[in-house]
Amino acid sequence: NFSDKNLMGEQIDFKDAKNLKLKFGISRKAEDYM
């Protein structure tokens, strides 16, 4: 039931699994405090 949906950007996923990197989660316009 794990959901990779992300309302603030691309879906939750690896950017580079071998080098311990996940995608940056905020790719859409967001408030500064977010």
Full PDB file with SEQRES, HELIX, SHEET, SSBOND, CRYST1, ORIGX, SCALE, CONECT and MASTER records, all heavy atoms in Angstrom:
SEQRES   1 A   34  ASN PHE SER ASP LYS ASN LEU MET GLY GLU GLN ILE ASP          
SEQRES   2 A   34  PHE LYS ASP ALA LYS ASN LEU LYS LEU LYS PHE GLY ILE          
SEQRES   3 A   34  SER ARG LYS ALA GLU ASP TYR MET                              
HELIX    1 AA1 ALA A   17  ASN A   19  5                                   3    
SHEET    1 AA1 2 PHE A  14  ASP A  16  0                                        
SHEET    2 AA1 2 LYS A  21  LEU A  22 -1                                        
CRYST1    1.000    1.000    1.000  90.00  90.00  90.00 P 1           1          
ORIGX1      1.000000  0.000000  0.000000        0.00000                         
ORIGX2      0.000000  1.000000  0.000000        0.00000                         
ORIGX3      0.000000  0.000000  1.000000        0.00000                         
SCALE1      1.000000  0.000000  0.000000        0.00000                         
SCALE2      0.000000  1.000000  0.000000        0.00000                         
SCALE3      0.000000  0.000000  1.000000        0.00000                         
ATOM      1  N   ASN A   1       0.810  -1.220   0.000  1.00  0.00           N  
ATOM      2  CA  ASN A   1       0.000   0.000   0.000  1.00  0.00           C  
ATOM      3  C   ASN A   1       0.842   1.268   0.000  1.00  0.00           C  
ATOM      4  O   ASN A   1       0.290   2.376   0.055  1.00  0.00           O  
ATOM      5  CB  ASN A   1      -0.934   0.019   1.218  1.00  0.00           C  
ATOM      6  CG  ASN A   1      -2.004  -1.059   1.136  1.00  0.00           C  
ATOM      7  OD1 ASN A   1      -2.484  -1.383   0.049  1.00  0.00           O  
ATOM      8  ND2 ASN A   1      -2.356  -1.641   2.271  1.00  0.00           N  
ATOM      9  N   PHE A   2       2.160   1.123  -0.050  1.00  0.00           N  
ATOM     10  CA  PHE A   2       3.025   2.309  -0.066  1.00  0.00           C  
ATOM     11  C   PHE A   2       2.743   3.141  -1.314  1.00  0.00           C  
ATOM     12  O   PHE A   2       2.740   2.630  -2.432  1.00  0.00           O  
ATOM     13  CB  PHE A   2       4.497   1.888  -0.056  1.00  0.00           C  
ATOM     14  CG  PHE A   2       5.458   3.045  -0.082  1.00  0.00           C  
ATOM     15  CD1 PHE A   2       5.804   3.704   1.082  1.00  0.00           C  
ATOM     16  CD2 PHE A   2       6.011   3.482  -1.290  1.00  0.00           C  
ATOM     17  CE1 PHE A   2       6.700   4.774   1.065  1.00  0.00           C  
ATOM     18  CE2 PHE A   2       6.900   4.545  -1.315  1.00  0.00           C  
ATOM     19  CZ  PHE A   2       7.237   5.189  -0.136  1.00  0.00           C  
ATOM     20  N   SER A   3       2.512   4.412  -1.115  1.00  0.00           N  
ATOM     21  CA  SER A   3       2.209   5.305  -2.236  1.00  0.00           C  
ATOM     22  C   SER A   3       3.401   6.196  -2.539  1.00  0.00           C  
ATOM     23  O   SER A   3       3.948   6.846  -1.643  1.00  0.00           O  
ATOM     24  CB  SER A   3       0.990   6.172  -1.912  1.00  0.00           C  
ATOM     25  OG  SER A   3       0.759   7.103  -2.963  1.00  0.00           O  
ATOM     26  N   ASP A   4       3.801   6.199  -3.807  1.00  0.00           N  
ATOM     27  CA  ASP A   4       4.913   7.061  -4.217  1.00  0.00           C  
ATOM     28  C   ASP A   4       4.422   8.386  -4.775  1.00  0.00           C  
ATOM     29  O   ASP A   4       5.201   9.175  -5.318  1.00  0.00           O  
ATOM     30  CB  ASP A   4       5.796   6.360  -5.249  1.00  0.00           C  
ATOM     31  CG  ASP A   4       5.028   5.975  -6.518  1.00  0.00           C  
ATOM     32  OD1 ASP A   4       3.837   6.339  -6.631  1.00  0.00           O  
ATOM     33  OD2 ASP A   4       5.627   5.316  -7.390  1.00  0.00           O  
ATOM     34  N   LYS A   5       3.116   8.649  -4.626  1.00  0.00           N  
ATOM     35  CA  LYS A   5       2.554   9.911  -5.121  1.00  0.00           C  
ATOM     36  C   LYS A   5       3.072  11.080  -4.298  1.00  0.00           C  
ATOM     37  O   LYS A   5       3.200  10.995  -3.079  1.00  0.00           O  
ATOM     38  CB  LYS A   5       1.033   9.867  -5.081  1.00  0.00           C  
ATOM     39  CG  LYS A   5       0.418   8.897  -6.081  1.00  0.00           C  
ATOM     40  CD  LYS A   5      -1.102   8.920  -6.013  1.00  0.00           C  
ATOM     41  CE  LYS A   5      -1.702   7.951  -7.021  1.00  0.00           C  
ATOM     42  NZ  LYS A   5      -3.193   7.939  -6.952  1.00  0.00           N  
ATOM     43  N   ASN A   6       3.355  12.176  -4.989  1.00  0.00           N  
ATOM     44  CA  ASN A   6       3.910  13.354  -4.337  1.00  0.00           C  
ATOM     45  C   ASN A   6       3.208  14.590  -4.893  1.00  0.00           C  
ATOM     46  O   ASN A   6       3.371  14.933  -6.066  1.00  0.00           O  
ATOM     47  CB  ASN A   6       5.421  13.412  -4.590  1.00  0.00           C  
ATOM     48  CG  ASN A   6       6.063  14.670  -4.051  1.00  0.00           C  
ATOM     49  OD1 ASN A   6       5.469  15.390  -3.251  1.00  0.00           O  
ATOM     50  ND2 ASN A   6       7.267  14.943  -4.495  1.00  0.00           N  
ATOM     51  N   LEU A   7       2.442  15.252  -4.053  1.00  0.00           N  
ATOM     52  CA  LEU A   7       1.686  16.423  -4.495  1.00  0.00           C  
ATOM     53  C   LEU A   7       2.576  17.620  -4.807  1.00  0.00           C  
ATOM     54  O   LEU A   7       2.139  18.567  -5.455  1.00  0.00           O  
ATOM     55  CB  LEU A   7       0.671  16.821  -3.417  1.00  0.00           C  
ATOM     56  CG  LEU A   7      -0.420  15.791  -3.111  1.00  0.00           C  
ATOM     57  CD1 LEU A   7      -1.283  16.276  -1.949  1.00  0.00           C  
ATOM     58  CD2 LEU A   7      -1.277  15.535  -4.340  1.00  0.00           C  
ATOM     59  N   MET A   8       3.822  17.564  -4.368  1.00  0.00           N  
ATOM     60  CA  MET A   8       4.726  18.709  -4.554  1.00  0.00           C  
ATOM     61  C   MET A   8       5.791  18.476  -5.618  1.00  0.00           C  
ATOM     62  O   MET A   8       6.694  19.292  -5.783  1.00  0.00           O  
ATOM     63  CB  MET A   8       5.381  19.059  -3.220  1.00  0.00           C  
ATOM     64  CG  MET A   8       4.378  19.553  -2.189  1.00  0.00           C  
ATOM     65  SD  MET A   8       5.141  20.018  -0.626  1.00  0.00           S  
ATOM     66  CE  MET A   8       5.658  18.439   0.001  1.00  0.00           C  
ATOM     67  N   GLY A   9       5.701  17.377  -6.336  1.00  0.00           N  
ATOM     68  CA  GLY A   9       6.703  17.131  -7.362  1.00  0.00           C  
ATOM     69  C   GLY A   9       6.548  15.771  -8.003  1.00  0.00           C  
ATOM     70  O   GLY A   9       5.467  15.184  -8.015  1.00  0.00           O  
ATOM     71  N   GLU A  10       7.672  15.258  -8.527  1.00  0.00           N  
ATOM     72  CA  GLU A  10       7.662  13.946  -9.155  1.00  0.00           C  
ATOM     73  C   GLU A  10       7.402  12.877  -8.110  1.00  0.00           C  
ATOM     74  O   GLU A  10       7.527  13.104  -6.909  1.00  0.00           O  
ATOM     75  CB  GLU A  10       9.013  13.688  -9.833  1.00  0.00           C  
ATOM     76  CG  GLU A  10       9.325  14.615 -10.991  1.00  0.00           C  
ATOM     77  CD  GLU A  10      10.655  14.250 -11.633  1.00  0.00           C  
ATOM     78  OE1 GLU A  10      10.808  13.091 -12.054  1.00  0.00           O  
ATOM     79  OE2 GLU A  10      11.544  15.118 -11.693  1.00  0.00           O  
ATOM     80  N   GLN A  11       7.066  11.680  -8.568  1.00  0.00           N  
ATOM     81  CA  GLN A  11       6.818  10.582  -7.644  1.00  0.00           C  
ATOM     82  C   GLN A  11       8.081  10.273  -6.847  1.00  0.00           C  
ATOM     83  O   GLN A  11       9.208  10.506  -7.297  1.00  0.00           O  
ATOM     84  CB  GLN A  11       6.361   9.343  -8.405  1.00  0.00           C  
ATOM     85  CG  GLN A  11       7.415   8.747  -9.334  1.00  0.00           C  
ATOM     86  CD  GLN A  11       6.853   7.604 -10.154  1.00  0.00           C  
ATOM     87  OE1 GLN A  11       5.788   7.704 -10.730  1.00  0.00           O  
ATOM     88  NE2 GLN A  11       7.575   6.493 -10.207  1.00  0.00           N  
ATOM     89  N   ILE A  12       7.888   9.746  -5.652  1.00  0.00           N  
ATOM     90  CA  ILE A  12       9.012   9.398  -4.785  1.00  0.00           C  
ATOM     91  C   ILE A  12       9.777   8.244  -5.422  1.00  0.00           C  
ATOM     92  O   ILE A  12       9.210   7.200  -5.736  1.00  0.00           O  
ATOM     93  CB  ILE A  12       8.495   9.002  -3.395  1.00  0.00           C  
ATOM     94  CG1 ILE A  12       7.729  10.167  -2.767  1.00  0.00           C  
ATOM     95  CG2 ILE A  12       9.642   8.573  -2.490  1.00  0.00           C  
ATOM     96  CD1 ILE A  12       6.967   9.789  -1.528  1.00  0.00           C  
ATOM     97  N   ASP A  13      11.056   8.439  -5.622  1.00  0.00           N  
ATOM     98  CA  ASP A  13      11.853   7.421  -6.319  1.00  0.00           C  
ATOM     99  C   ASP A  13      13.333   7.701  -6.072  1.00  0.00           C  
ATOM    100  O   ASP A  13      13.713   8.747  -5.548  1.00  0.00           O  
ATOM    101  CB  ASP A  13      11.555   7.462  -7.824  1.00  0.00           C  
ATOM    102  CG  ASP A  13      11.939   6.161  -8.532  1.00  0.00           C  
ATOM    103  OD1 ASP A  13      12.565   5.289  -7.890  1.00  0.00           O  
ATOM    104  OD2 ASP A  13      11.624   6.030  -9.727  1.00  0.00           O  
ATOM    105  N   PHE A  14      14.165   6.748  -6.501  1.00  0.00           N  
ATOM    106  CA  PHE A  14      15.605   6.937  -6.417  1.00  0.00           C  
ATOM    107  C   PHE A  14      16.081   7.858  -7.532  1.00  0.00           C  
ATOM    108  O   PHE A  14      15.611   7.756  -8.665  1.00  0.00           O  
ATOM    109  CB  PHE A  14      16.341   5.601  -6.524  1.00  0.00           C  
ATOM    110  CG  PHE A  14      16.105   4.671  -5.368  1.00  0.00           C  
ATOM    111  CD1 PHE A  14      15.320   3.536  -5.521  1.00  0.00           C  
ATOM    112  CD2 PHE A  14      16.648   4.929  -4.128  1.00  0.00           C  
ATOM    113  CE1 PHE A  14      15.093   2.681  -4.464  1.00  0.00           C  
ATOM    114  CE2 PHE A  14      16.428   4.085  -3.053  1.00  0.00           C  
ATOM    115  CZ  PHE A  14      15.654   2.960  -3.222  1.00  0.00           C  
ATOM    116  N   LYS A  15      17.006   8.711  -7.201  1.00  0.00           N  
ATOM    117  CA  LYS A  15      17.717   9.482  -8.219  1.00  0.00           C  
ATOM    118  C   LYS A  15      18.928   8.689  -8.671  1.00  0.00           C  
ATOM    119  O   LYS A  15      19.260   8.626  -9.849  1.00  0.00           O  
ATOM    120  CB  LYS A  15      18.169  10.828  -7.638  1.00  0.00           C  
ATOM    121  CG  LYS A  15      18.853  11.776  -8.625  1.00  0.00           C  
ATOM    122  CD  LYS A  15      19.319  13.035  -7.922  1.00  0.00           C  
ATOM    123  CE  LYS A  15      19.954  14.009  -8.897  1.00  0.00           C  
ATOM    124  NZ  LYS A  15      18.929  14.735  -9.698  1.00  0.00           N  
ATOM    125  N   ASP A  16      19.587   8.035  -7.693  1.00  0.00           N  
ATOM    126  CA  ASP A  16      20.749   7.187  -7.957  1.00  0.00           C  
ATOM    127  C   ASP A  16      20.888   6.233  -6.771  1.00  0.00           C  
ATOM    128  O   ASP A  16      21.542   6.555  -5.783  1.00  0.00           O  
ATOM    129  CB  ASP A  16      22.006   8.047  -8.115  1.00  0.00           C  
ATOM    130  CG  ASP A  16      23.238   7.241  -8.501  1.00  0.00           C  
ATOM    131  OD1 ASP A  16      23.173   5.999  -8.443  1.00  0.00           O  
ATOM    132  OD2 ASP A  16      24.260   7.847  -8.847  1.00  0.00           O  
ATOM    133  N   ALA A  17      20.253   5.076  -6.865  1.00  0.00           N  
ATOM    134  CA  ALA A  17      20.217   4.140  -5.737  1.00  0.00           C  
ATOM    135  C   ALA A  17      21.609   3.677  -5.331  1.00  0.00           C  
ATOM    136  O   ALA A  17      21.893   3.487  -4.149  1.00  0.00           O  
ATOM    137  CB  ALA A  17      19.346   2.934  -6.097  1.00  0.00           C  
ATOM    138  N   LYS A  18      22.481   3.498  -6.301  1.00  0.00           N  
ATOM    139  CA  LYS A  18      23.841   3.029  -6.015  1.00  0.00           C  
ATOM    140  C   LYS A  18      24.597   4.020  -5.144  1.00  0.00           C  
ATOM    141  O   LYS A  18      25.393   3.632  -4.285  1.00  0.00           O  
ATOM    142  CB  LYS A  18      24.589   2.814  -7.337  1.00  0.00           C  
ATOM    143  CG  LYS A  18      25.995   2.271  -7.184  1.00  0.00           C  
ATOM    144  CD  LYS A  18      26.632   2.041  -8.537  1.00  0.00           C  
ATOM    145  CE  LYS A  18      28.048   1.516  -8.410  1.00  0.00           C  
ATOM    146  NZ  LYS A  18      28.675   1.292  -9.741  1.00  0.00           N  
ATOM    147  N   ASN A  19      24.330   5.308  -5.347  1.00  0.00           N  
ATOM    148  CA  ASN A  19      25.029   6.352  -4.595  1.00  0.00           C  
ATOM    149  C   ASN A  19      24.162   6.981  -3.499  1.00  0.00           C  
ATOM    150  O   ASN A  19      24.410   8.114  -3.082  1.00  0.00           O  
ATOM    151  CB  ASN A  19      25.535   7.427  -5.555  1.00  0.00           C  
ATOM    152  CG  ASN A  19      26.710   6.942  -6.381  1.00  0.00           C  
ATOM    153  OD1 ASN A  19      27.748   6.575  -5.847  1.00  0.00           O  
ATOM    154  ND2 ASN A  19      26.540   6.909  -7.691  1.00  0.00           N  
ATOM    155  N   LEU A  20      23.155   6.233  -3.057  1.00  0.00           N  
ATOM    156  CA  LEU A  20      22.339   6.624  -1.903  1.00  0.00           C  
ATOM    157  C   LEU A  20      21.606   7.948  -2.108  1.00  0.00           C  
ATOM    158  O   LEU A  20      21.514   8.774  -1.195  1.00  0.00           O  
ATOM    159  CB  LEU A  20      23.227   6.723  -0.642  1.00  0.00           C  
ATOM    160  CG  LEU A  20      23.970   5.445  -0.225  1.00  0.00           C  
ATOM    161  CD1 LEU A  20      24.954   5.746   0.899  1.00  0.00           C  
ATOM    162  CD2 LEU A  20      22.976   4.378   0.212  1.00  0.00           C  
ATOM    163  N   LYS A  21      21.033   8.137  -3.289  1.00  0.00           N  
ATOM    164  CA  LYS A  21      20.344   9.393  -3.578  1.00  0.00           C  
ATOM    165  C   LYS A  21      18.890   9.164  -3.971  1.00  0.00           C  
ATOM    166  O   LYS A  21      18.589   8.325  -4.829  1.00  0.00           O  
ATOM    167  CB  LYS A  21      21.056  10.147  -4.705  1.00  0.00           C  
ATOM    168  CG  LYS A  21      22.451  10.640  -4.351  1.00  0.00           C  
ATOM    169  CD  LYS A  21      23.085  11.377  -5.532  1.00  0.00           C  
ATOM    170  CE  LYS A  21      24.497  11.841  -5.198  1.00  0.00           C  
ATOM    171  NZ  LYS A  21      25.113  12.562  -6.334  1.00  0.00           N  
ATOM    172  N   LEU A  22      17.990   9.927  -3.327  1.00  0.00           N  
ATOM    173  CA  LEU A  22      16.591   9.978  -3.718  1.00  0.00           C  
ATOM    174  C   LEU A  22      16.346  11.259  -4.499  1.00  0.00           C  
ATOM    175  O   LEU A  22      17.109  12.232  -4.374  1.00  0.00           O  
ATOM    176  CB  LEU A  22      15.688   9.983  -2.478  1.00  0.00           C  
ATOM    177  CG  LEU A  22      15.815   8.817  -1.498  1.00  0.00           C  
ATOM    178  CD1 LEU A  22      14.917   9.056  -0.286  1.00  0.00           C  
ATOM    179  CD2 LEU A  22      15.457   7.510  -2.169  1.00  0.00           C  
ATOM    180  N   LYS A  23      15.292  11.260  -5.303  1.00  0.00           N  
ATOM    181  CA  LYS A  23      14.919  12.482  -6.015  1.00  0.00           C  
ATOM    182  C   LYS A  23      14.555  13.578  -5.028  1.00  0.00           C  
ATOM    183  O   LYS A  23      13.949  13.318  -3.983  1.00  0.00           O  
ATOM    184  CB  LYS A  23      13.729  12.225  -6.939  1.00  0.00           C  
ATOM    185  CG  LYS A  23      14.042  11.376  -8.153  1.00  0.00           C  
ATOM    186  CD  LYS A  23      12.787  11.219  -9.007  1.00  0.00           C  
ATOM    187  CE  LYS A  23      13.054  10.393 -10.262  1.00  0.00           C  
ATOM    188  NZ  LYS A  23      11.817  10.228 -11.063  1.00  0.00           N  
ATOM    189  N   PHE A  24      14.913  14.803  -5.366  1.00  0.00           N  
ATOM    190  CA  PHE A  24      14.493  15.948  -4.558  1.00  0.00           C  
ATOM    191  C   PHE A  24      12.982  16.053  -4.651  1.00  0.00           C  
ATOM    192  O   PHE A  24      12.414  16.072  -5.740  1.00  0.00           O  
ATOM    193  CB  PHE A  24      15.162  17.221  -5.076  1.00  0.00           C  
ATOM    194  CG  PHE A  24      15.045  18.397  -4.152  1.00  0.00           C  
ATOM    195  CD1 PHE A  24      15.963  18.589  -3.130  1.00  0.00           C  
ATOM    196  CD2 PHE A  24      14.013  19.310  -4.290  1.00  0.00           C  
ATOM    197  CE1 PHE A  24      15.856  19.669  -2.270  1.00  0.00           C  
ATOM    198  CE2 PHE A  24      13.888  20.386  -3.438  1.00  0.00           C  
ATOM    199  CZ  PHE A  24      14.819  20.572  -2.423  1.00  0.00           C  
ATOM    200  N   GLY A  25      12.306  16.132  -3.499  1.00  0.00           N  
ATOM    201  CA  GLY A  25      10.865  15.967  -3.469  1.00  0.00           C  
ATOM    202  C   GLY A  25      10.028  17.148  -3.910  1.00  0.00           C  
ATOM    203  O   GLY A  25       8.848  16.983  -4.205  1.00  0.00           O  
ATOM    204  N   ILE A  26      10.611  18.355  -3.969  1.00  0.00           N  
ATOM    205  CA  ILE A  26       9.820  19.535  -4.322  1.00  0.00           C  
ATOM    206  C   ILE A  26      10.270  20.055  -5.686  1.00  0.00           C  
ATOM    207  O   ILE A  26      11.343  20.645  -5.819  1.00  0.00           O  
ATOM    208  CB  ILE A  26       9.970  20.646  -3.264  1.00  0.00           C  
ATOM    209  CG1 ILE A  26       9.473  20.135  -1.905  1.00  0.00           C  
ATOM    210  CG2 ILE A  26       9.187  21.887  -3.670  1.00  0.00           C  
ATOM    211  CD1 ILE A  26       9.614  21.131  -0.778  1.00  0.00           C  
ATOM    212  N   SER A  27       9.457  19.808  -6.692  1.00  0.00           N  
ATOM    213  CA  SER A  27       9.791  20.288  -8.035  1.00  0.00           C  
ATOM    214  C   SER A  27       8.730  21.250  -8.563  1.00  0.00           C  
ATOM    215  O   SER A  27       8.910  21.868  -9.607  1.00  0.00           O  
ATOM    216  CB  SER A  27       9.939  19.114  -9.004  1.00  0.00           C  
ATOM    217  OG  SER A  27       8.759  18.336  -9.056  1.00  0.00           O  
ATOM    218  N   ARG A  28       7.620  21.368  -7.832  1.00  0.00           N  
ATOM    219  CA  ARG A  28       6.590  22.335  -8.200  1.00  0.00           C  
ATOM    220  C   ARG A  28       6.705  23.553  -7.283  1.00  0.00           C  
ATOM    221  O   ARG A  28       7.342  23.502  -6.234  1.00  0.00           O  
ATOM    222  CB  ARG A  28       5.205  21.710  -8.065  1.00  0.00           C  
ATOM    223  CG  ARG A  28       4.994  20.555  -9.040  1.00  0.00           C  
ATOM    224  CD  ARG A  28       3.690  19.838  -8.785  1.00  0.00           C  
ATOM    225  NE  ARG A  28       3.584  18.641  -9.629  1.00  0.00           N  
ATOM    226  CZ  ARG A  28       2.785  17.632  -9.382  1.00  0.00           C  
ATOM    227  NH1 ARG A  28       2.009  17.658  -8.315  1.00  0.00           N  
ATOM    228  NH2 ARG A  28       2.750  16.588 -10.186  1.00  0.00           N  
ATOM    229  N   LYS A  29       6.050  24.634  -7.674  1.00  0.00           N  
ATOM    230  CA  LYS A  29       6.101  25.849  -6.877  1.00  0.00           C  
ATOM    231  C   LYS A  29       5.572  25.578  -5.480  1.00  0.00           C  
ATOM    232  O   LYS A  29       4.499  25.024  -5.296  1.00  0.00           O  
ATOM    233  CB  LYS A  29       5.279  26.954  -7.543  1.00  0.00           C  
ATOM    234  CG  LYS A  29       5.403  28.304  -6.846  1.00  0.00           C  
ATOM    235  CD  LYS A  29       4.625  29.368  -7.588  1.00  0.00           C  
ATOM    236  CE  LYS A  29       4.756  30.717  -6.887  1.00  0.00           C  
ATOM    237  NZ  LYS A  29       4.001  31.789  -7.589  1.00  0.00           N  
ATOM    238  N   ALA A  30       6.359  25.965  -4.476  1.00  0.00           N  
ATOM    239  CA  ALA A  30       5.963  25.727  -3.091  1.00  0.00           C  
ATOM    240  C   ALA A  30       6.261  26.958  -2.255  1.00  0.00           C  
ATOM    241  O   ALA A  30       7.138  27.767  -2.593  1.00  0.00           O  
ATOM    242  CB  ALA A  30       6.721  24.525  -2.530  1.00  0.00           C  
ATOM    243  N   GLU A  31       5.545  27.081  -1.161  1.00  0.00           N  
ATOM    244  CA  GLU A  31       5.778  28.190  -0.247  1.00  0.00           C  
ATOM    245  C   GLU A  31       7.149  28.035   0.398  1.00  0.00           C  
ATOM    246  O   GLU A  31       7.654  26.926   0.594  1.00  0.00           O  
ATOM    247  CB  GLU A  31       4.696  28.218   0.833  1.00  0.00           C  
ATOM    248  CG  GLU A  31       3.282  28.431   0.316  1.00  0.00           C  
ATOM    249  CD  GLU A  31       3.077  29.824  -0.270  1.00  0.00           C  
ATOM    250  OE1 GLU A  31       3.875  30.727   0.039  1.00  0.00           O  
ATOM    251  OE2 GLU A  31       2.118  29.994  -1.042  1.00  0.00           O  
ATOM    252  N   ASP A  32       7.740  29.170   0.758  1.00  0.00           N  
ATOM    253  CA  ASP A  32       9.075  29.177   1.343  1.00  0.00           C  
ATOM    254  C   ASP A  32       9.135  28.302   2.599  1.00  0.00           C  
ATOM    255  O   ASP A  32      10.093  27.552   2.803  1.00  0.00           O  
ATOM    256  CB  ASP A  32       9.489  30.614   1.674  1.00  0.00           C  
ATOM    257  CG  ASP A  32      10.932  30.709   2.127  1.00  0.00           C  
ATOM    258  OD1 ASP A  32      11.832  30.541   1.291  1.00  0.00           O  
ATOM    259  OD2 ASP A  32      11.165  30.933   3.335  1.00  0.00           O  
ATOM    260  N   TYR A  33       8.119  28.379   3.441  1.00  0.00           N  
ATOM    261  CA  TYR A  33       8.133  27.615   4.692  1.00  0.00           C  
ATOM    262  C   TYR A  33       8.074  26.116   4.438  1.00  0.00           C  
ATOM    263  O   TYR A  33       8.576  25.313   5.228  1.00  0.00           O  
ATOM    264  CB  TYR A  33       6.988  28.044   5.618  1.00  0.00           C  
ATOM    265  CG  TYR A  33       5.591  27.801   5.109  1.00  0.00           C  
ATOM    266  CD1 TYR A  33       4.974  26.560   5.263  1.00  0.00           C  
ATOM    267  CD2 TYR A  33       4.871  28.816   4.479  1.00  0.00           C  
ATOM    268  CE1 TYR A  33       3.695  26.339   4.791  1.00  0.00           C  
ATOM    269  CE2 TYR A  33       3.581  28.607   4.001  1.00  0.00           C  
ATOM    270  CZ  TYR A  33       2.993  27.360   4.162  1.00  0.00           C  
ATOM    271  OH  TYR A  33       1.720  27.138   3.706  1.00  0.00           O  
ATOM    272  N   MET A  34       7.477  25.703   3.305  1.00  0.00           N  
ATOM    273  CA  MET A  34       7.424  24.285   2.963  1.00  0.00           C  
ATOM    274  C   MET A  34       8.812  23.767   2.610  1.00  0.00           C  
ATOM    275  O   MET A  34       9.211  22.676   3.037  1.00  0.00           O  
ATOM    276  CB  MET A  34       6.462  24.060   1.801  1.00  0.00           C  
ATOM    277  CG  MET A  34       5.016  24.426   2.119  1.00  0.00           C  
ATOM    278  SD  MET A  34       3.943  24.395   0.652  1.00  0.00           S  
ATOM    279  CE  MET A  34       3.893  22.642   0.306  1.00  0.00           C  
TER     280      MET A  34                                                      
MASTER        0    0    0    1    2    0    0    6  279    1    0    3          
END                                                                             
